[in-house]
Amino acid sequence: MVQPSRVAILLAWLAAAFAACTQVESGKTPPGVSVGANGSGGEADGGSGPLSGAAGESDGGSGISSAGSPGSLELGIWPTFARQGQEPADAAAVLASIAALSAGSAALPIYERWDELSGATGTPRAITWQRLDAMVAPYRDRGKALALCIGIVDRTSPAWPFAGELDSAAAAVAIEATIDEVFERYSPQLSHLCFGYEVDRYLAEASGAEGSRLLGFLQHAIDYASDHPQRSQTTALGIAVTLASAGNAQALAELALGTEVFAVYDPLDEAAALKAPEAIADELTAALEALPTLEGAPKQLALFEAGYPSGADAGSSEEQQRAFYEALFATLDARTSEVTFVSLFGLGDRSAVDCELEAAAFGAPLEERALARCSVGLRAEAGEPKLAWPSVLAALSRYR
């Protein structure tokens, strides 16, 4: 078993070694890092002392693009990785982050459950934050952005780090402490910050009282983050819903908290059947057409987990995966000013164990979900690029 202190030293070494490089080659094949689950492997256990400011602000880089500005679309590659033997998962996450940056990723997309980030009072879990610091450091040093989503709920599952309900004073204190930590560490790089994760899945199964508590809590988190003294005015805020819900004007009215609508794509339909590759164009268009119907200031869209499986066991192929990306980029090309961020999901295929664990958050059926999520990588588990890879590289270059 690798001790936490040794993992922290390894993470720091990986980040420092990469930061010392004189340049990052973009648009070329990334290092042969085998990549899988959320780009955030490893346990959240460990110390809980305040670690604010560990990342600091770099002297290098050219600044972060303004989120929400017309034509400022950022493309990020989700740093998915597959665990290899005894290799520490946190070290693999850093290597995957570096590989995505080397390929031309303009932003680092990260999703973390709240109970992995913080303890019951909001105190930071040391090992998780050390990993995030190491993953973010190369992006910070090159003036790239961070898009972070904190899972208050993880799809159908509660993900808060304490016993009890979300309408307590203790819950408010805990999320405020977590938000403080995020801004203290990453404010200069933070282009997007969202809360919850596909909260409409949770709301569909929750009681009315549970749903009301969640929505009230999310509004508090948005309000606190919005007024935070360290928040950059270019940091977009919102909650993460499914792209299907984002295209439903009636559902969206209740869920569009914050300055942007954050949507997560699902390649499976309600019956857990694989959608056609071109379905992304219709869903994305529906969401963009629903946005102008919202009351208040106009909102743009940030898209997470835009990806499609390539495995035959999921009913797909590399050709179908390529068709998905071609449909996605064609839609984005036509409506670039309406979308601020797209995270491509993901850099590489993952291990079956990671996919099965992740599928549990969706509820049944688990087998179909795990199969669909296990081959969404743009590179195979051994590192070979798939047929969609050239289209992605071209898009990364185009939107830079």
Protein backbone atom coordinates (compact mmCIF):
# COMPACT_ATOMS: atom_id res chain seq x y z
CA MET A 1 0.00 0.00 0.00
CA VAL A 2 1.38 3.43 -0.95
CA GLN A 3 1.49 5.83 2.01
CA PRO A 4 -0.32 9.20 1.56
CA SER A 5 2.90 11.15 2.14
CA ARG A 6 4.64 9.23 -0.64
CA VAL A 7 1.70 9.87 -2.99
CA ALA A 8 1.83 13.60 -2.16
CA ILE A 9 5.55 13.71 -2.92
CA LEU A 10 5.02 11.85 -6.20
CA LEU A 11 2.20 14.19 -7.22
CA ALA A 12 4.29 17.24 -6.45
CA TRP A 13 7.21 15.80 -8.41
CA LEU A 14 5.03 15.06 -11.44
CA ALA A 15 3.57 18.56 -11.47
CA ALA A 16 6.92 20.23 -10.92
CA ALA A 17 8.64 18.15 -13.60
CA PHE A 18 6.02 19.10 -16.15
CA ALA A 19 6.00 22.77 -15.14
CA ALA A 20 9.74 22.87 -15.77
CA CYS A 21 9.26 22.02 -19.45
CA THR A 22 9.79 24.91 -21.83
CA GLN A 23 6.80 24.18 -24.03
CA VAL A 24 3.84 21.88 -24.52
CA GLU A 25 3.31 20.50 -27.98
CA SER A 26 -0.31 20.91 -28.99
CA GLY A 27 -2.24 18.97 -31.59
CA LYS A 28 0.05 15.96 -31.43
CA THR A 29 -0.30 12.52 -29.92
CA PRO A 30 -0.09 12.84 -26.12
CA PRO A 31 2.23 10.74 -24.02
CA GLY A 32 1.38 7.05 -23.84
CA VAL A 33 -0.59 7.36 -20.62
CA SER A 34 -3.26 4.73 -20.26
CA VAL A 35 -6.27 6.56 -19.04
CA GLY A 36 -10.06 5.79 -17.04
CA ALA A 37 -12.75 6.84 -14.50
CA ASN A 38 -13.26 10.46 -13.61
CA GLY A 39 -9.68 11.55 -13.99
CA SER A 40 -9.79 11.66 -10.24
CA GLY A 41 -8.92 8.21 -9.00
CA GLY A 42 -7.80 7.44 -5.49
CA GLU A 43 -9.56 7.68 -2.16
CA ALA A 44 -10.59 10.89 -0.47
CA ASP A 45 -9.38 9.72 2.92
CA GLY A 46 -6.56 11.41 4.69
CA GLY A 47 -5.85 14.57 6.63
CA SER A 48 -8.27 17.40 7.04
CA GLY A 49 -6.19 20.46 7.91
CA PRO A 50 -6.63 23.65 5.88
CA LEU A 51 -4.48 23.60 2.78
CA SER A 52 -5.54 26.89 1.22
CA GLY A 53 -3.13 28.57 -1.09
CA ALA A 54 -1.07 25.48 -1.87
CA ALA A 55 -1.49 25.94 -5.58
CA GLY A 56 -0.73 29.63 -5.55
CA GLU A 57 -0.61 31.80 -8.63
CA SER A 58 1.94 31.20 -11.32
CA ASP A 59 4.23 33.73 -12.93
CA GLY A 60 3.82 31.98 -16.24
CA GLY A 61 0.85 31.69 -18.55
CA SER A 62 -1.07 34.15 -20.58
CA GLY A 63 -4.23 34.51 -18.55
CA ILE A 64 -7.60 32.81 -18.63
CA SER A 65 -10.07 33.44 -21.40
CA SER A 66 -13.24 35.22 -20.30
CA ALA A 67 -16.00 32.73 -19.68
CA GLY A 68 -19.27 33.86 -21.18
CA SER A 69 -17.77 36.12 -23.83
CA PRO A 70 -19.01 35.58 -27.40
CA GLY A 71 -16.64 33.39 -29.33
CA SER A 72 -14.71 32.35 -26.21
CA LEU A 73 -15.59 28.66 -26.40
CA GLU A 74 -13.15 26.53 -24.42
CA LEU A 75 -12.62 22.86 -25.25
CA GLY A 76 -11.30 20.62 -22.53
CA ILE A 77 -10.46 16.91 -22.59
CA TRP A 78 -11.63 14.96 -19.55
CA PRO A 79 -8.47 13.26 -18.21
CA THR A 80 -9.87 9.76 -17.90
CA PHE A 81 -7.40 7.01 -17.09
CA ALA A 82 -7.23 3.25 -16.52
CA ARG A 83 -5.48 1.95 -13.45
CA GLN A 84 -2.35 -0.04 -14.18
CA GLY A 85 -1.15 -2.63 -11.68
CA GLN A 86 0.33 -1.04 -8.55
CA GLU A 87 0.55 2.44 -10.04
CA PRO A 88 -0.96 4.95 -7.57
CA ALA A 89 -4.27 6.14 -8.97
CA ASP A 90 -3.58 9.75 -7.98
CA ALA A 91 -0.29 9.73 -9.90
CA ALA A 92 -2.12 8.27 -12.92
CA ALA A 93 -4.66 11.11 -12.68
CA VAL A 94 -1.87 13.69 -12.87
CA LEU A 95 -0.28 11.95 -15.85
CA ALA A 96 -3.65 11.88 -17.62
CA SER A 97 -4.11 15.58 -16.91
CA ILE A 98 -0.72 16.31 -18.44
CA ALA A 99 -1.49 14.13 -21.46
CA ALA A 100 -4.75 16.01 -22.09
CA LEU A 101 -2.93 19.34 -21.87
CA SER A 102 -0.27 18.09 -24.26
CA ALA A 103 -2.99 17.22 -26.76
CA GLY A 104 -4.24 20.81 -26.72
CA SER A 105 -6.89 20.87 -23.99
CA ALA A 106 -7.69 24.52 -23.24
CA ALA A 107 -9.25 23.74 -19.86
CA LEU A 108 -9.15 21.01 -17.26
CA PRO A 109 -12.60 19.57 -16.49
CA ILE A 110 -12.91 17.99 -13.04
CA TYR A 111 -15.88 16.53 -11.19
CA GLU A 112 -15.56 15.63 -7.51
CA ARG A 113 -18.15 14.45 -5.03
CA TRP A 114 -18.46 16.89 -2.15
CA ASP A 115 -17.82 14.15 0.44
CA GLU A 116 -14.48 13.43 -1.26
CA LEU A 117 -13.45 17.08 -1.12
CA SER A 118 -14.51 17.91 2.42
CA GLY A 119 -15.22 16.52 5.85
CA ALA A 120 -18.42 17.08 7.81
CA THR A 121 -17.58 20.68 8.73
CA GLY A 122 -16.18 21.57 5.32
CA THR A 123 -12.55 20.98 6.28
CA PRO A 124 -10.54 19.85 3.24
CA ARG A 125 -9.53 16.24 2.76
CA ALA A 126 -5.80 16.57 2.23
CA ILE A 127 -5.16 13.77 -0.26
CA THR A 128 -7.94 14.87 -2.61
CA TRP A 129 -6.78 18.48 -2.68
CA GLN A 130 -3.14 17.48 -3.16
CA ARG A 131 -4.17 15.49 -6.22
CA LEU A 132 -6.23 18.38 -7.60
CA ASP A 133 -3.37 20.82 -7.00
CA ALA A 134 -1.01 18.57 -8.97
CA MET A 135 -3.53 18.17 -11.81
CA VAL A 136 -4.24 21.90 -12.03
CA ALA A 137 -0.63 23.10 -11.76
CA PRO A 138 0.38 22.47 -15.41
CA TYR A 139 -2.76 24.26 -16.65
CA ARG A 140 -2.16 27.18 -14.32
CA ASP A 141 1.44 27.50 -15.44
CA ARG A 142 0.34 27.80 -19.07
CA GLY A 143 -2.56 30.17 -18.53
CA LYS A 144 -5.18 27.50 -19.09
CA ALA A 145 -8.53 27.24 -17.30
CA LEU A 146 -10.19 24.97 -14.75
CA ALA A 147 -13.84 23.89 -14.90
CA LEU A 148 -14.81 22.31 -11.58
CA CYS A 149 -18.09 20.71 -10.59
CA ILE A 150 -18.78 19.78 -6.96
CA GLY A 151 -21.24 16.92 -6.57
CA ILE A 152 -23.65 17.86 -3.81
CA VAL A 153 -25.55 14.94 -5.27
CA ASP A 154 -23.93 12.42 -7.59
CA ARG A 155 -26.69 11.79 -10.06
CA THR A 156 -29.19 9.70 -8.04
CA SER A 157 -27.03 9.52 -4.89
CA PRO A 158 -26.61 12.02 -2.03
CA ALA A 159 -22.95 13.09 -1.80
CA TRP A 160 -22.83 15.46 1.16
CA PRO A 161 -20.18 14.68 3.81
CA PHE A 162 -22.35 14.73 6.94
CA ALA A 163 -25.37 13.00 8.41
CA GLY A 164 -28.57 15.01 8.34
CA GLU A 165 -30.32 17.27 5.90
CA LEU A 166 -29.21 20.09 3.64
CA ASP A 167 -31.37 22.75 5.28
CA SER A 168 -29.30 22.88 8.49
CA ALA A 169 -26.93 25.65 9.58
CA ALA A 170 -24.12 23.09 9.65
CA ALA A 171 -24.70 22.30 5.98
CA ALA A 172 -24.44 25.97 5.04
CA VAL A 173 -21.21 26.37 7.01
CA ALA A 174 -19.72 23.26 5.39
CA ILE A 175 -20.40 24.31 1.79
CA GLU A 176 -19.16 27.83 2.48
CA ALA A 177 -15.88 26.40 3.78
CA THR A 178 -15.55 24.24 0.67
CA ILE A 179 -16.23 27.20 -1.62
CA ASP A 180 -13.67 29.25 0.31
CA GLU A 181 -11.11 26.54 -0.34
CA VAL A 182 -11.89 26.43 -4.06
CA PHE A 183 -11.49 30.17 -4.55
CA GLU A 184 -8.41 30.42 -2.33
CA ARG A 185 -6.66 27.81 -4.44
CA TYR A 186 -7.96 28.26 -7.95
CA SER A 187 -9.67 31.62 -8.42
CA PRO A 188 -7.32 32.91 -11.18
CA GLN A 189 -7.83 29.71 -13.22
CA LEU A 190 -11.48 29.01 -12.42
CA SER A 191 -13.59 29.69 -15.51
CA HIS A 192 -16.54 27.50 -14.44
CA LEU A 193 -17.84 26.32 -11.06
CA CYS A 194 -20.95 24.18 -10.79
CA PHE A 195 -22.75 22.34 -8.01
CA GLY A 196 -24.66 19.08 -7.98
CA TYR A 197 -24.26 16.64 -10.82
CA GLU A 198 -27.22 15.80 -13.03
CA VAL A 199 -29.45 16.96 -10.19
CA ASP A 200 -32.59 16.24 -12.21
CA ARG A 201 -31.85 12.51 -11.81
CA TYR A 202 -31.86 12.94 -8.03
CA LEU A 203 -34.97 15.12 -8.06
CA ALA A 204 -36.86 12.52 -10.10
CA GLU A 205 -36.45 10.00 -7.27
CA ALA A 206 -36.49 12.31 -4.24
CA SER A 207 -39.54 13.28 -2.21
CA GLY A 208 -40.93 16.78 -2.57
CA ALA A 209 -39.35 17.83 0.73
CA GLU A 210 -35.95 16.40 -0.25
CA GLY A 211 -36.10 18.15 -3.61
CA SER A 212 -36.99 21.48 -2.02
CA ARG A 213 -34.12 21.17 0.45
CA LEU A 214 -31.66 20.41 -2.36
CA LEU A 215 -32.79 23.32 -4.53
CA GLY A 216 -32.66 25.71 -1.57
CA PHE A 217 -29.19 24.50 -0.68
CA LEU A 218 -27.96 24.86 -4.26
CA GLN A 219 -29.29 28.41 -4.39
CA HIS A 220 -27.37 29.20 -1.19
CA ALA A 221 -24.18 27.76 -2.68
CA ILE A 222 -24.64 29.84 -5.85
CA ASP A 223 -25.36 33.01 -3.87
CA TYR A 224 -22.34 32.52 -1.60
CA ALA A 225 -20.01 31.79 -4.52
CA SER A 226 -21.41 34.71 -6.52
CA ASP A 227 -20.65 37.21 -3.74
CA HIS A 228 -17.30 35.69 -2.80
CA PRO A 229 -14.57 38.36 -2.60
CA GLN A 230 -12.09 36.12 -4.43
CA ARG A 231 -14.39 35.21 -7.29
CA SER A 232 -13.36 36.53 -10.69
CA GLN A 233 -16.22 38.13 -12.58
CA THR A 234 -15.43 35.78 -15.45
CA THR A 235 -16.12 32.68 -13.33
CA ALA A 236 -19.43 31.21 -14.49
CA LEU A 237 -21.65 29.62 -11.81
CA GLY A 238 -24.51 27.15 -12.02
CA ILE A 239 -25.81 23.68 -11.25
CA ALA A 240 -25.27 20.63 -13.43
CA VAL A 241 -28.31 18.99 -15.04
CA THR A 242 -28.64 16.50 -17.88
CA LEU A 243 -28.56 17.92 -21.40
CA ALA A 244 -32.00 16.38 -21.95
CA SER A 245 -33.42 18.47 -19.10
CA ALA A 246 -31.63 21.55 -20.38
CA GLY A 247 -33.66 21.18 -23.57
CA ASN A 248 -36.94 21.09 -21.65
CA ALA A 249 -37.95 24.71 -21.12
CA GLN A 250 -40.37 23.89 -18.30
CA ALA A 251 -37.87 21.78 -16.36
CA LEU A 252 -35.04 24.20 -17.06
CA ALA A 253 -36.88 27.14 -15.49
CA GLU A 254 -36.50 25.58 -12.03
CA LEU A 255 -32.98 24.28 -12.53
CA ALA A 256 -31.22 27.21 -14.23
CA LEU A 257 -29.63 28.71 -11.12
CA GLY A 258 -26.57 30.92 -11.46
CA THR A 259 -25.06 32.67 -14.46
CA GLU A 260 -24.93 29.73 -16.87
CA VAL A 261 -26.68 26.46 -17.59
CA PHE A 262 -24.37 23.48 -17.02
CA ALA A 263 -25.45 20.37 -18.91
CA VAL A 264 -24.08 16.81 -18.84
CA TYR A 265 -24.51 14.64 -21.92
CA ASP A 266 -25.72 11.05 -21.68
CA PRO A 267 -25.34 8.80 -24.77
CA LEU A 268 -28.03 6.46 -23.39
CA ASP A 269 -31.75 7.21 -23.53
CA GLU A 270 -34.29 6.68 -20.74
CA ALA A 271 -34.54 2.99 -21.61
CA ALA A 272 -30.72 2.64 -21.37
CA ALA A 273 -30.48 2.14 -25.14
CA LEU A 274 -27.66 3.79 -27.04
CA LYS A 275 -28.74 6.93 -28.86
CA ALA A 276 -27.80 7.54 -32.47
CA PRO A 277 -24.47 9.38 -32.77
CA GLU A 278 -26.20 12.36 -34.42
CA ALA A 279 -28.64 12.76 -31.49
CA ILE A 280 -26.17 15.14 -29.83
CA ALA A 281 -26.99 17.77 -32.47
CA ASP A 282 -30.71 17.68 -31.69
CA GLU A 283 -30.23 17.72 -27.92
CA LEU A 284 -27.71 20.53 -28.03
CA THR A 285 -29.92 22.57 -30.34
CA ALA A 286 -32.94 22.02 -28.08
CA ALA A 287 -30.99 23.27 -25.06
CA LEU A 288 -29.75 26.35 -26.90
CA GLU A 289 -33.28 27.14 -28.02
CA ALA A 290 -34.60 26.74 -24.45
CA LEU A 291 -32.10 29.21 -22.97
CA PRO A 292 -33.72 32.37 -24.40
CA THR A 293 -37.02 31.40 -22.75
CA LEU A 294 -35.55 31.77 -19.26
CA GLU A 295 -36.39 34.83 -17.21
CA GLY A 296 -33.64 37.25 -16.26
CA ALA A 297 -30.28 37.87 -17.87
CA PRO A 298 -29.45 35.76 -20.96
CA LYS A 299 -27.60 32.56 -20.16
CA GLN A 300 -25.11 30.56 -22.17
CA LEU A 301 -24.40 26.84 -22.01
CA ALA A 302 -21.49 24.85 -20.61
CA LEU A 303 -21.44 21.20 -21.69
CA PHE A 304 -19.83 18.43 -19.63
CA GLU A 305 -19.11 14.81 -20.63
CA ALA A 306 -19.66 15.19 -24.36
CA GLY A 307 -18.67 11.71 -25.43
CA TYR A 308 -19.82 8.50 -27.09
CA PRO A 309 -18.75 4.86 -26.71
CA SER A 310 -16.86 2.99 -29.40
CA GLY A 311 -17.13 -0.56 -28.06
CA ALA A 312 -19.07 -3.29 -29.82
CA ASP A 313 -20.26 -4.55 -26.42
CA ALA A 314 -22.02 -1.20 -26.01
CA GLY A 315 -23.62 -1.52 -29.45
CA SER A 316 -21.27 0.97 -31.07
CA SER A 317 -18.07 1.24 -33.11
CA GLU A 318 -15.21 3.65 -33.70
CA GLU A 319 -17.02 4.87 -36.82
CA GLN A 320 -20.09 5.73 -34.75
CA GLN A 321 -17.97 7.52 -32.17
CA ARG A 322 -16.39 9.58 -34.96
CA ALA A 323 -19.86 10.40 -36.31
CA PHE A 324 -20.83 11.67 -32.85
CA TYR A 325 -17.92 14.10 -32.73
CA GLU A 326 -18.53 15.27 -36.27
CA ALA A 327 -22.16 16.04 -35.36
CA LEU A 328 -21.09 17.78 -32.15
CA PHE A 329 -18.50 20.00 -33.82
CA ALA A 330 -20.78 20.87 -36.73
CA THR A 331 -23.39 22.13 -34.24
CA LEU A 332 -20.80 24.05 -32.25
CA ASP A 333 -19.38 25.65 -35.39
CA ALA A 334 -22.82 27.06 -36.16
CA ARG A 335 -23.56 28.32 -32.61
CA THR A 336 -20.17 29.03 -31.05
CA SER A 337 -21.22 32.26 -29.30
CA GLU A 338 -23.94 30.44 -27.34
CA VAL A 339 -21.63 27.87 -25.71
CA THR A 340 -18.78 28.79 -23.37
CA PHE A 341 -17.26 25.42 -22.54
CA VAL A 342 -17.33 21.82 -23.76
CA SER A 343 -15.56 18.96 -22.01
CA LEU A 344 -14.86 16.03 -24.31
CA PHE A 345 -15.34 12.77 -22.46
CA GLY A 346 -12.68 11.56 -22.34
CA LEU A 347 -9.02 11.10 -23.17
CA GLY A 348 -8.87 7.31 -22.86
CA ASP A 349 -10.81 4.16 -22.10
CA ARG A 350 -11.16 3.04 -18.50
CA SER A 351 -11.01 -0.22 -16.60
CA ALA A 352 -14.19 -2.26 -16.12
CA VAL A 353 -13.96 -1.92 -12.33
CA ASP A 354 -13.97 1.88 -12.49
CA CYS A 355 -16.86 1.92 -14.94
CA GLU A 356 -18.94 -0.42 -12.80
CA LEU A 357 -18.36 1.69 -9.69
CA GLU A 358 -19.32 4.85 -11.54
CA ALA A 359 -22.42 3.27 -13.09
CA ALA A 360 -23.88 2.67 -9.64
CA ALA A 361 -24.58 6.40 -9.25
CA PHE A 362 -27.05 6.20 -12.16
CA GLY A 363 -29.10 3.38 -10.66
CA ALA A 364 -30.28 0.40 -12.72
CA PRO A 365 -29.51 -0.95 -15.26
CA LEU A 366 -25.85 -1.06 -14.27
CA GLU A 367 -24.44 -3.39 -16.95
CA GLU A 368 -25.54 -1.30 -19.93
CA ARG A 369 -24.39 1.89 -18.23
CA ALA A 370 -20.96 0.49 -17.38
CA LEU A 371 -20.41 -0.82 -20.91
CA ALA A 372 -21.38 2.51 -22.45
CA ARG A 373 -19.05 4.49 -20.20
CA CYS A 374 -16.07 2.15 -20.49
CA SER A 375 -15.25 2.81 -24.16
CA VAL A 376 -15.91 6.56 -24.41
CA GLY A 377 -12.20 7.33 -24.52
CA LEU A 378 -10.63 8.90 -27.58
CA ARG A 379 -7.67 6.60 -27.08
CA ALA A 380 -7.80 2.88 -26.38
CA GLU A 381 -6.61 1.47 -23.06
CA ALA A 382 -3.21 0.71 -24.58
CA GLY A 383 -2.92 4.30 -25.80
CA GLU A 384 -3.69 3.96 -29.51
CA PRO A 385 -5.78 6.81 -30.96
CA LYS A 386 -9.26 5.96 -32.22
CA LEU A 387 -10.83 7.14 -35.48
CA ALA A 388 -12.36 10.24 -33.82
CA TRP A 389 -8.97 11.51 -32.61
CA PRO A 390 -8.08 13.60 -35.71
CA SER A 391 -11.47 15.37 -35.60
CA VAL A 392 -10.91 16.24 -31.96
CA LEU A 393 -7.40 17.54 -32.58
CA ALA A 394 -8.71 19.72 -35.41
CA ALA A 395 -11.42 21.14 -33.14
CA LEU A 396 -8.95 21.84 -30.35
CA SER A 397 -6.89 23.83 -32.83
CA ARG A 398 -9.91 25.62 -34.29
CA TYR A 399 -11.34 26.86 -31.00
CA ARG A 400 -8.02 27.81 -29.42
